[in-house]
N, C-alpha and C. Protein backbone atom coordinates (compact mmCIF):
# COMPACT_ATOMS: atom_id res chain seq x y z
N MET A 1 -0.65 -10.95 -2.35
CA MET A 1 -1.11 -9.61 -2.01
C MET A 1 -2.33 -9.29 -2.84
N ARG A 2 -3.34 -8.80 -2.21
CA ARG A 2 -4.55 -8.38 -2.88
C ARG A 2 -4.70 -6.89 -2.75
N THR A 3 -5.04 -6.23 -3.81
CA THR A 3 -5.34 -4.80 -3.74
C THR A 3 -6.62 -4.54 -4.52
N ALA A 4 -7.11 -3.34 -4.41
CA ALA A 4 -8.36 -2.98 -5.08
C ALA A 4 -8.22 -3.05 -6.59
N ASN A 5 -7.00 -2.98 -7.13
CA ASN A 5 -6.80 -2.99 -8.57
C ASN A 5 -6.84 -4.38 -9.18
N LYS A 6 -6.80 -5.42 -8.38
CA LYS A 6 -6.85 -6.77 -8.88
C LYS A 6 -8.28 -7.25 -8.94
N ARG A 7 -8.50 -8.38 -9.60
CA ARG A 7 -9.86 -8.87 -9.77
C ARG A 7 -10.50 -9.33 -8.47
N LYS A 8 -9.75 -9.99 -7.62
CA LYS A 8 -10.30 -10.46 -6.36
C LYS A 8 -10.51 -9.29 -5.42
N PRO A 9 -11.64 -9.28 -4.74
CA PRO A 9 -11.85 -8.20 -3.76
C PRO A 9 -10.94 -8.38 -2.55
N ALA A 10 -10.59 -7.28 -1.94
CA ALA A 10 -9.84 -7.34 -0.69
C ALA A 10 -10.79 -7.86 0.39
N VAL A 11 -10.29 -8.76 1.22
CA VAL A 11 -11.10 -9.34 2.29
C VAL A 11 -10.81 -8.59 3.58
N ILE A 12 -11.87 -8.10 4.20
CA ILE A 12 -11.78 -7.42 5.49
C ILE A 12 -12.54 -8.27 6.50
N LEU A 13 -11.86 -8.60 7.59
CA LEU A 13 -12.53 -9.30 8.69
C LEU A 13 -12.79 -8.30 9.79
N LEU A 14 -14.06 -8.10 10.10
CA LEU A 14 -14.48 -7.21 11.18
C LEU A 14 -14.81 -8.07 12.39
N VAL A 15 -14.12 -7.82 13.48
CA VAL A 15 -14.40 -8.52 14.74
C VAL A 15 -15.10 -7.51 15.64
N GLU A 16 -16.41 -7.63 15.71
CA GLU A 16 -17.23 -6.61 16.36
C GLU A 16 -18.50 -7.25 16.91
N ASP A 17 -18.78 -7.04 18.18
CA ASP A 17 -19.97 -7.62 18.79
C ASP A 17 -21.19 -6.70 18.74
N ASP A 18 -21.01 -5.45 18.42
CA ASP A 18 -22.13 -4.50 18.36
C ASP A 18 -22.76 -4.54 16.97
N ARG A 19 -24.01 -4.94 16.92
CA ARG A 19 -24.70 -5.09 15.62
C ARG A 19 -24.83 -3.75 14.88
N GLY A 20 -25.02 -2.68 15.62
CA GLY A 20 -25.11 -1.36 15.00
C GLY A 20 -23.81 -0.97 14.31
N ASP A 21 -22.68 -1.20 14.98
CA ASP A 21 -21.38 -0.90 14.39
C ASP A 21 -21.08 -1.82 13.21
N GLN A 22 -21.56 -3.06 13.28
CA GLN A 22 -21.40 -3.97 12.14
C GLN A 22 -22.11 -3.40 10.91
N GLU A 23 -23.34 -2.97 11.11
CA GLU A 23 -24.13 -2.45 10.00
C GLU A 23 -23.56 -1.14 9.46
N LEU A 24 -23.12 -0.26 10.35
CA LEU A 24 -22.49 0.99 9.90
C LEU A 24 -21.24 0.71 9.08
N THR A 25 -20.45 -0.24 9.52
CA THR A 25 -19.23 -0.60 8.78
C THR A 25 -19.59 -1.18 7.42
N ARG A 26 -20.57 -2.07 7.40
CA ARG A 26 -21.01 -2.67 6.13
C ARG A 26 -21.44 -1.58 5.13
N ARG A 27 -22.25 -0.64 5.62
CA ARG A 27 -22.74 0.43 4.74
C ARG A 27 -21.61 1.34 4.26
N ALA A 28 -20.71 1.69 5.16
CA ALA A 28 -19.59 2.57 4.79
C ALA A 28 -18.72 1.92 3.72
N LEU A 29 -18.46 0.64 3.87
CA LEU A 29 -17.64 -0.06 2.87
C LEU A 29 -18.38 -0.21 1.54
N ALA A 30 -19.68 -0.41 1.60
CA ALA A 30 -20.48 -0.52 0.38
C ALA A 30 -20.46 0.79 -0.41
N GLU A 31 -20.38 1.91 0.30
CA GLU A 31 -20.33 3.22 -0.35
C GLU A 31 -18.91 3.60 -0.78
N GLY A 32 -17.93 2.83 -0.35
CA GLY A 32 -16.53 3.14 -0.63
C GLY A 32 -16.14 2.88 -2.07
N LYS A 33 -14.90 3.21 -2.39
CA LYS A 33 -14.39 3.12 -3.76
C LYS A 33 -13.76 1.76 -4.09
N ASN A 34 -13.50 0.96 -3.09
CA ASN A 34 -12.82 -0.31 -3.30
C ASN A 34 -13.81 -1.46 -3.34
N HIS A 35 -13.41 -2.48 -4.07
CA HIS A 35 -14.20 -3.71 -4.12
C HIS A 35 -13.74 -4.58 -2.96
N THR A 36 -14.56 -4.65 -1.92
CA THR A 36 -14.17 -5.40 -0.73
C THR A 36 -15.18 -6.49 -0.43
N GLU A 37 -14.71 -7.47 0.30
CA GLU A 37 -15.56 -8.54 0.79
C GLU A 37 -15.46 -8.49 2.31
N LEU A 38 -16.54 -8.08 2.96
CA LEU A 38 -16.55 -7.95 4.40
C LEU A 38 -17.03 -9.24 5.04
N ARG A 39 -16.22 -9.75 5.94
CA ARG A 39 -16.58 -10.90 6.77
C ARG A 39 -16.72 -10.38 8.19
N ILE A 40 -17.72 -10.86 8.92
CA ILE A 40 -17.97 -10.37 10.28
C ILE A 40 -18.03 -11.56 11.24
N VAL A 41 -17.30 -11.43 12.33
CA VAL A 41 -17.43 -12.36 13.45
C VAL A 41 -17.71 -11.53 14.69
N GLU A 42 -18.39 -12.13 15.66
CA GLU A 42 -18.93 -11.33 16.77
C GLU A 42 -18.17 -11.43 18.08
N ASP A 43 -17.17 -12.29 18.16
CA ASP A 43 -16.40 -12.36 19.40
C ASP A 43 -15.00 -12.86 19.09
N GLY A 44 -14.14 -12.76 20.09
CA GLY A 44 -12.75 -13.14 19.89
C GLY A 44 -12.54 -14.60 19.61
N GLU A 45 -13.35 -15.45 20.21
CA GLU A 45 -13.23 -16.89 19.96
C GLU A 45 -13.55 -17.22 18.51
N GLU A 46 -14.59 -16.60 17.98
CA GLU A 46 -14.96 -16.82 16.58
C GLU A 46 -13.89 -16.22 15.66
N ALA A 47 -13.30 -15.11 16.05
CA ALA A 47 -12.22 -14.50 15.26
C ALA A 47 -11.04 -15.47 15.16
N LEU A 48 -10.66 -16.07 16.27
CA LEU A 48 -9.56 -17.02 16.26
C LEU A 48 -9.90 -18.24 15.40
N ALA A 49 -11.13 -18.71 15.49
CA ALA A 49 -11.55 -19.84 14.66
C ALA A 49 -11.44 -19.49 13.18
N TYR A 50 -11.88 -18.29 12.82
CA TYR A 50 -11.79 -17.86 11.42
C TYR A 50 -10.32 -17.74 10.98
N LEU A 51 -9.54 -17.05 11.77
CA LEU A 51 -8.15 -16.78 11.39
C LEU A 51 -7.29 -18.04 11.35
N PHE A 52 -7.54 -18.96 12.26
CA PHE A 52 -6.76 -20.19 12.31
C PHE A 52 -7.43 -21.35 11.57
N ARG A 53 -8.58 -21.06 10.95
CA ARG A 53 -9.32 -22.02 10.14
C ARG A 53 -9.70 -23.27 10.92
N TRP A 54 -10.38 -23.02 12.01
CA TRP A 54 -10.91 -24.10 12.83
C TRP A 54 -12.40 -24.27 12.55
N GLY A 55 -12.89 -25.49 12.76
CA GLY A 55 -14.33 -25.76 12.67
C GLY A 55 -14.93 -25.34 11.35
N LYS A 56 -16.01 -24.57 11.41
CA LYS A 56 -16.72 -24.18 10.19
C LYS A 56 -15.91 -23.26 9.28
N TYR A 57 -14.77 -22.78 9.75
CA TYR A 57 -13.94 -21.88 8.95
C TYR A 57 -12.72 -22.58 8.33
N LYS A 58 -12.70 -23.91 8.35
CA LYS A 58 -11.50 -24.63 7.90
C LYS A 58 -11.24 -24.55 6.40
N ASP A 59 -12.24 -24.29 5.61
CA ASP A 59 -12.07 -24.26 4.15
C ASP A 59 -11.63 -22.87 3.68
N PRO A 60 -10.42 -22.75 3.12
CA PRO A 60 -9.94 -21.45 2.64
C PRO A 60 -10.82 -20.85 1.54
N ALA A 61 -11.53 -21.69 0.82
CA ALA A 61 -12.39 -21.18 -0.26
C ALA A 61 -13.58 -20.40 0.30
N THR A 62 -14.08 -20.81 1.45
CA THR A 62 -15.23 -20.12 2.04
C THR A 62 -14.83 -19.17 3.17
N SER A 63 -13.59 -19.29 3.63
CA SER A 63 -13.07 -18.43 4.70
C SER A 63 -11.69 -17.90 4.32
N PRO A 64 -11.65 -17.03 3.31
CA PRO A 64 -10.35 -16.55 2.84
C PRO A 64 -9.62 -15.73 3.90
N ARG A 65 -8.30 -15.81 3.86
CA ARG A 65 -7.46 -15.06 4.79
C ARG A 65 -7.71 -13.57 4.56
N PRO A 66 -7.95 -12.81 5.62
CA PRO A 66 -8.21 -11.38 5.45
C PRO A 66 -6.95 -10.60 5.06
N ASP A 67 -7.18 -9.56 4.29
CA ASP A 67 -6.11 -8.61 3.97
C ASP A 67 -6.01 -7.57 5.07
N LEU A 68 -7.12 -7.33 5.74
CA LEU A 68 -7.19 -6.33 6.80
C LEU A 68 -8.10 -6.85 7.90
N LEU A 69 -7.62 -6.75 9.13
CA LEU A 69 -8.39 -7.15 10.30
C LEU A 69 -8.78 -5.89 11.07
N LEU A 70 -10.09 -5.65 11.21
CA LEU A 70 -10.60 -4.56 12.03
C LEU A 70 -11.06 -5.18 13.33
N LEU A 71 -10.38 -4.84 14.42
CA LEU A 71 -10.52 -5.57 15.67
C LEU A 71 -10.97 -4.68 16.82
N ASP A 72 -12.13 -5.00 17.37
CA ASP A 72 -12.58 -4.35 18.60
C ASP A 72 -11.80 -4.95 19.76
N LEU A 73 -11.59 -4.20 20.81
CA LEU A 73 -10.86 -4.72 21.98
C LEU A 73 -11.77 -5.42 22.97
N ASN A 74 -12.91 -4.83 23.24
CA ASN A 74 -13.79 -5.33 24.29
C ASN A 74 -14.82 -6.28 23.69
N LEU A 75 -14.43 -7.54 23.64
CA LEU A 75 -15.25 -8.57 23.02
C LEU A 75 -15.63 -9.64 24.03
N PRO A 76 -16.75 -10.31 23.78
CA PRO A 76 -17.08 -11.45 24.64
C PRO A 76 -16.18 -12.65 24.35
N ARG A 77 -16.11 -13.54 25.31
CA ARG A 77 -15.41 -14.82 25.24
C ARG A 77 -13.89 -14.68 25.21
N VAL A 78 -13.33 -14.07 24.19
CA VAL A 78 -11.89 -13.80 24.12
C VAL A 78 -11.76 -12.35 23.69
N ASP A 79 -11.03 -11.55 24.46
CA ASP A 79 -10.98 -10.12 24.12
C ASP A 79 -10.00 -9.86 22.96
N GLY A 80 -10.11 -8.66 22.41
CA GLY A 80 -9.32 -8.30 21.25
C GLY A 80 -7.82 -8.30 21.49
N ARG A 81 -7.41 -8.02 22.72
CA ARG A 81 -5.98 -8.03 23.03
C ARG A 81 -5.39 -9.42 22.85
N GLU A 82 -6.14 -10.42 23.31
CA GLU A 82 -5.66 -11.80 23.15
C GLU A 82 -5.67 -12.21 21.68
N VAL A 83 -6.68 -11.80 20.94
CA VAL A 83 -6.72 -12.09 19.50
C VAL A 83 -5.48 -11.50 18.84
N LEU A 84 -5.18 -10.25 19.14
CA LEU A 84 -4.02 -9.58 18.56
C LEU A 84 -2.73 -10.30 18.93
N GLU A 85 -2.61 -10.68 20.18
CA GLU A 85 -1.41 -11.39 20.63
C GLU A 85 -1.25 -12.72 19.89
N ARG A 86 -2.34 -13.43 19.69
CA ARG A 86 -2.28 -14.72 18.99
C ARG A 86 -1.95 -14.53 17.51
N VAL A 87 -2.50 -13.49 16.90
CA VAL A 87 -2.21 -13.20 15.49
C VAL A 87 -0.73 -12.89 15.31
N ARG A 88 -0.20 -12.03 16.16
CA ARG A 88 1.20 -11.64 16.03
C ARG A 88 2.16 -12.76 16.41
N GLY A 89 1.68 -13.76 17.14
CA GLY A 89 2.51 -14.89 17.52
C GLY A 89 2.52 -16.02 16.51
N ASP A 90 1.75 -15.90 15.45
CA ASP A 90 1.65 -16.96 14.45
C ASP A 90 2.39 -16.57 13.17
N SER A 91 3.23 -17.45 12.69
CA SER A 91 4.06 -17.14 11.51
C SER A 91 3.23 -16.89 10.25
N LYS A 92 2.06 -17.48 10.14
CA LYS A 92 1.22 -17.30 8.96
C LYS A 92 0.37 -16.03 9.01
N LEU A 93 0.19 -15.51 10.20
CA LEU A 93 -0.71 -14.36 10.37
C LEU A 93 -0.02 -13.07 10.77
N ARG A 94 1.21 -13.16 11.26
CA ARG A 94 1.84 -12.00 11.91
C ARG A 94 1.99 -10.78 11.01
N ARG A 95 2.02 -10.97 9.70
CA ARG A 95 2.17 -9.81 8.80
C ARG A 95 0.84 -9.17 8.42
N MET A 96 -0.27 -9.76 8.83
CA MET A 96 -1.58 -9.24 8.49
C MET A 96 -1.76 -7.83 9.08
N ALA A 97 -2.34 -6.95 8.30
CA ALA A 97 -2.63 -5.59 8.79
C ALA A 97 -3.76 -5.66 9.81
N VAL A 98 -3.51 -5.12 11.00
CA VAL A 98 -4.50 -5.14 12.08
C VAL A 98 -4.74 -3.71 12.55
N VAL A 99 -5.99 -3.29 12.46
CA VAL A 99 -6.40 -1.98 12.95
C VAL A 99 -7.34 -2.21 14.12
N VAL A 100 -6.95 -1.70 15.28
CA VAL A 100 -7.83 -1.75 16.44
C VAL A 100 -8.84 -0.63 16.27
N LEU A 101 -10.10 -0.99 16.31
CA LEU A 101 -11.21 -0.06 16.12
C LEU A 101 -12.13 -0.24 17.32
N THR A 102 -12.04 0.69 18.26
CA THR A 102 -12.67 0.49 19.56
C THR A 102 -13.23 1.80 20.11
N THR A 103 -14.06 1.69 21.13
CA THR A 103 -14.56 2.89 21.80
C THR A 103 -13.59 3.37 22.87
N SER A 104 -12.62 2.55 23.22
CA SER A 104 -11.69 2.90 24.29
C SER A 104 -10.79 4.07 23.91
N ARG A 105 -10.62 4.97 24.86
CA ARG A 105 -9.67 6.07 24.72
C ARG A 105 -8.60 5.97 25.81
N GLN A 106 -8.60 4.85 26.53
CA GLN A 106 -7.68 4.68 27.65
C GLN A 106 -6.25 4.50 27.15
N GLU A 107 -5.36 5.25 27.76
CA GLU A 107 -3.95 5.20 27.37
C GLU A 107 -3.39 3.79 27.49
N LYS A 108 -3.80 3.05 28.53
CA LYS A 108 -3.29 1.68 28.70
C LYS A 108 -3.71 0.79 27.53
N ASP A 109 -4.92 0.98 26.98
CA ASP A 109 -5.36 0.20 25.83
C ASP A 109 -4.58 0.56 24.57
N ILE A 110 -4.32 1.84 24.41
CA ILE A 110 -3.55 2.31 23.25
C ILE A 110 -2.14 1.72 23.31
N LEU A 111 -1.47 1.91 24.45
CA LEU A 111 -0.10 1.40 24.61
C LEU A 111 -0.04 -0.11 24.45
N ARG A 112 -0.95 -0.82 25.09
CA ARG A 112 -0.93 -2.29 25.03
C ARG A 112 -1.18 -2.78 23.61
N SER A 113 -2.08 -2.14 22.89
CA SER A 113 -2.36 -2.55 21.52
C SER A 113 -1.13 -2.40 20.63
N TYR A 114 -0.43 -1.29 20.77
CA TYR A 114 0.79 -1.11 19.98
C TYR A 114 1.90 -2.06 20.43
N GLU A 115 1.99 -2.31 21.73
CA GLU A 115 2.98 -3.28 22.22
C GLU A 115 2.71 -4.67 21.65
N LEU A 116 1.45 -5.00 21.46
CA LEU A 116 1.07 -6.31 20.91
C LEU A 116 1.19 -6.35 19.39
N GLY A 117 1.42 -5.20 18.76
CA GLY A 117 1.70 -5.19 17.33
C GLY A 117 0.61 -4.71 16.40
N CYS A 118 -0.37 -3.96 16.91
CA CYS A 118 -1.36 -3.43 15.97
C CYS A 118 -0.69 -2.42 15.04
N ASN A 119 -1.26 -2.27 13.85
CA ASN A 119 -0.73 -1.30 12.90
C ASN A 119 -1.29 0.10 13.13
N SER A 120 -2.52 0.15 13.64
CA SER A 120 -3.17 1.43 13.93
C SER A 120 -4.17 1.23 15.05
N PHE A 121 -4.41 2.30 15.80
CA PHE A 121 -5.41 2.30 16.87
C PHE A 121 -6.34 3.45 16.60
N ILE A 122 -7.61 3.15 16.42
CA ILE A 122 -8.59 4.19 16.11
C ILE A 122 -9.75 4.10 17.09
N THR A 123 -10.08 5.23 17.69
CA THR A 123 -11.25 5.29 18.56
C THR A 123 -12.46 5.57 17.68
N LYS A 124 -13.48 4.75 17.84
CA LYS A 124 -14.70 4.88 17.02
C LYS A 124 -15.36 6.22 17.28
N PRO A 125 -15.63 6.97 16.23
CA PRO A 125 -16.40 8.20 16.40
C PRO A 125 -17.84 7.85 16.79
N VAL A 126 -18.45 8.67 17.62
CA VAL A 126 -19.82 8.44 18.05
C VAL A 126 -20.80 8.86 16.96
N ASP A 127 -20.51 9.94 16.28
CA ASP A 127 -21.37 10.47 15.22
C ASP A 127 -21.38 9.51 14.02
N ILE A 128 -22.55 9.20 13.50
CA ILE A 128 -22.68 8.24 12.39
C ILE A 128 -21.92 8.70 11.16
N ASN A 129 -22.02 9.97 10.80
CA ASN A 129 -21.32 10.47 9.61
C ASN A 129 -19.80 10.41 9.80
N GLN A 130 -19.33 10.74 10.99
CA GLN A 130 -17.89 10.65 11.26
C GLN A 130 -17.43 9.19 11.22
N PHE A 131 -18.25 8.28 11.75
CA PHE A 131 -17.92 6.86 11.73
C PHE A 131 -17.79 6.39 10.28
N THR A 132 -18.74 6.76 9.44
CA THR A 132 -18.71 6.37 8.03
C THR A 132 -17.46 6.91 7.35
N ARG A 133 -17.14 8.18 7.59
CA ARG A 133 -15.93 8.77 6.99
C ARG A 133 -14.67 8.06 7.48
N ALA A 134 -14.64 7.71 8.76
CA ALA A 134 -13.47 7.02 9.32
C ALA A 134 -13.28 5.65 8.66
N ILE A 135 -14.35 4.90 8.48
CA ILE A 135 -14.25 3.58 7.84
C ILE A 135 -13.81 3.73 6.39
N GLN A 136 -14.36 4.69 5.69
CA GLN A 136 -13.97 4.90 4.29
C GLN A 136 -12.53 5.36 4.18
N ALA A 137 -12.06 6.18 5.11
CA ALA A 137 -10.66 6.59 5.11
C ALA A 137 -9.75 5.40 5.39
N LEU A 138 -10.15 4.55 6.33
CA LEU A 138 -9.39 3.32 6.60
C LEU A 138 -9.29 2.45 5.36
N GLU A 139 -10.42 2.27 4.72
CA GLU A 139 -10.47 1.46 3.50
C GLU A 139 -9.55 2.04 2.43
N GLU A 140 -9.63 3.33 2.21
CA GLU A 140 -8.81 3.96 1.19
C GLU A 140 -7.32 3.82 1.52
N TYR A 141 -6.96 4.09 2.77
CA TYR A 141 -5.57 4.02 3.17
C TYR A 141 -5.02 2.60 3.04
N TRP A 142 -5.72 1.63 3.64
CA TRP A 142 -5.20 0.26 3.68
C TRP A 142 -5.32 -0.48 2.37
N LEU A 143 -6.26 -0.09 1.50
CA LEU A 143 -6.47 -0.86 0.28
C LEU A 143 -6.07 -0.14 -1.00
N GLN A 144 -5.76 1.17 -0.91
CA GLN A 144 -5.32 1.89 -2.09
C GLN A 144 -3.90 2.43 -1.95
N ILE A 145 -3.54 2.87 -0.76
CA ILE A 145 -2.26 3.54 -0.57
C ILE A 145 -1.17 2.59 -0.09
N VAL A 146 -1.48 1.81 0.91
CA VAL A 146 -0.50 0.91 1.52
C VAL A 146 -0.28 -0.32 0.64
N VAL A 147 0.95 -0.78 0.58
CA VAL A 147 1.24 -2.06 -0.06
C VAL A 147 1.23 -3.10 1.04
N LEU A 148 0.31 -4.04 0.94
CA LEU A 148 0.17 -5.08 1.94
C LEU A 148 1.11 -6.25 1.62
N PRO A 149 1.60 -6.94 2.64
CA PRO A 149 2.49 -8.07 2.40
C PRO A 149 1.73 -9.23 1.76
N PRO A 150 2.45 -10.09 1.05
CA PRO A 150 1.76 -11.24 0.44
C PRO A 150 1.28 -12.19 1.52
N GLU A 151 0.24 -12.90 1.18
CA GLU A 151 -0.33 -13.89 2.10
C GLU A 151 0.62 -15.07 2.21
N THR A 152 0.73 -15.60 3.41
CA THR A 152 1.53 -16.82 3.59
C THR A 152 0.60 -17.94 4.00
N GLU A 153 0.82 -19.10 3.43
CA GLU A 153 -0.01 -20.27 3.75
C GLU A 153 0.84 -21.33 4.37
């Protein structure tokens, strides 16, 4: 288990294809109170490669297991729903904290995400300041308040 109080930074994997949202997330976390290491992948296929340590992500030293997964639903190649389903179906990953962070407000997406096992579903605020506050609140909640399960290898 990694928390902000330990020497190692908490690792956050952001699965997001929108470059603007990637940069906003990076900036919000940089302004936050926790020492985090943000990793970014741009589609569901790359997310699966990172999480399952395939290809260029096979080395745990350069691709550490995330403490928190921020997952967009509408991704190229493999969508976020399938990523979530695969994460929850794997014994090494199923306890990982997963927050769906998406523009969708559709009830079917909310219900399906929870059915697949997400820990939280958050609709991205359109306003930049609200987006920044939302990311910082997520960071504070998941890395300061919640006790995360230990990593399994």
